[in-house]
Amino acid sequence: MTHEEQADAFIEKFLRYEGEYDFENAVIDAIFCVNQIIAEIIEIDSVLSEAGVLYKNLNYWQEVKKELEKYDTDIT
């Protein structure tokens, strides 16, 4: 899944399952979720001290966050 597709998937899930959610809140909550994923990857990486695969995952999620932040910029 591309960064753009992943960002859109997060937003769509919030919009689909939360009923009265609006787009702005869906974006904000999607960014929150991605921040949590990034924090977990960083913590796992520091515990294991092996950068290889984990840094690739970290970069992927950082790119997803950038895509979500584009939406956030469009809203404000």
Protein backbone atom coordinates (compact mmCIF):
# COMPACT_ATOMS: atom_id res chain seq x y z
CA MET A 1 0.00 0.00 0.00
CA THR A 2 1.40 3.41 -0.89
CA HIS A 3 1.74 6.21 1.66
CA GLU A 4 -1.20 8.01 0.08
CA GLU A 5 -3.38 4.90 0.09
CA GLN A 6 -2.56 4.21 3.75
CA ALA A 7 -3.39 7.79 4.75
CA ASP A 8 -6.70 7.60 2.89
CA ALA A 9 -7.49 4.22 4.46
CA PHE A 10 -7.06 5.63 7.97
CA ILE A 11 -9.36 8.54 7.21
CA GLU A 12 -11.97 6.31 5.58
CA LYS A 13 -12.04 3.99 8.59
CA PHE A 14 -12.70 6.85 10.98
CA LEU A 15 -15.40 8.26 8.73
CA ARG A 16 -17.06 4.86 8.23
CA TYR A 17 -17.12 3.64 11.81
CA GLU A 18 -17.63 6.78 13.82
CA GLY A 19 -20.91 7.92 12.25
CA GLU A 20 -20.99 11.62 13.07
CA TYR A 21 -17.27 12.12 12.49
CA ASP A 22 -16.34 14.93 10.15
CA PHE A 23 -13.36 14.90 7.82
CA GLU A 24 -11.26 17.27 9.95
CA ASN A 25 -11.59 15.11 13.07
CA ALA A 26 -10.88 11.97 11.05
CA VAL A 27 -7.61 13.49 9.82
CA ILE A 28 -6.61 14.63 13.32
CA ASP A 29 -7.28 11.20 14.79
CA ALA A 30 -5.50 9.44 11.93
CA ILE A 31 -2.42 11.59 12.60
CA PHE A 32 -2.66 10.65 16.29
CA CYS A 33 -2.73 6.94 15.38
CA VAL A 34 0.25 7.24 13.06
CA ASN A 35 2.17 9.13 15.75
CA GLN A 36 1.51 6.20 18.10
CA ILE A 37 2.78 3.72 15.49
CA ILE A 38 5.93 5.80 14.97
CA ALA A 39 6.56 6.00 18.72
CA GLU A 40 6.21 2.22 19.07
CA ILE A 41 8.62 1.56 16.20
CA ILE A 42 11.19 3.91 17.74
CA GLU A 43 10.85 2.18 21.12
CA ILE A 44 11.12 -1.30 19.62
CA ASP A 45 14.15 -0.21 17.61
CA SER A 46 15.90 1.18 20.67
CA VAL A 47 15.24 -2.05 22.62
CA LEU A 48 16.39 -4.40 19.88
CA SER A 49 19.26 -2.18 18.64
CA GLU A 50 18.79 -3.47 15.10
CA ALA A 51 17.97 -0.78 12.56
CA GLY A 52 17.46 -2.72 9.29
CA VAL A 53 13.80 -3.62 8.86
CA LEU A 54 12.52 -1.31 11.59
CA TYR A 55 13.96 1.83 10.02
CA LYS A 56 12.22 0.94 6.77
CA ASN A 57 8.95 0.71 8.68
CA LEU A 58 9.67 3.97 10.47
CA ASN A 59 10.28 5.74 7.17
CA TYR A 60 7.07 4.32 5.72
CA TRP A 61 4.96 5.61 8.63
CA GLN A 62 6.68 8.98 8.59
CA GLU A 63 5.68 9.29 4.93
CA VAL A 64 2.09 8.31 5.79
CA LYS A 65 2.09 11.06 8.43
CA LYS A 66 3.28 13.58 5.82
CA GLU A 67 0.37 12.60 3.59
CA LEU A 68 -2.10 13.07 6.45
CA GLU A 69 -0.56 16.43 7.31
CA LYS A 70 -1.24 17.56 3.75
CA TYR A 71 -4.94 17.03 4.45
CA ASP A 72 -4.61 18.82 7.77
CA THR A 73 -3.06 21.83 6.02
CA ASP A 74 -5.91 21.86 3.49
CA ILE A 75 -8.47 21.96 6.30
CA THR A 76 -7.06 24.96 8.17
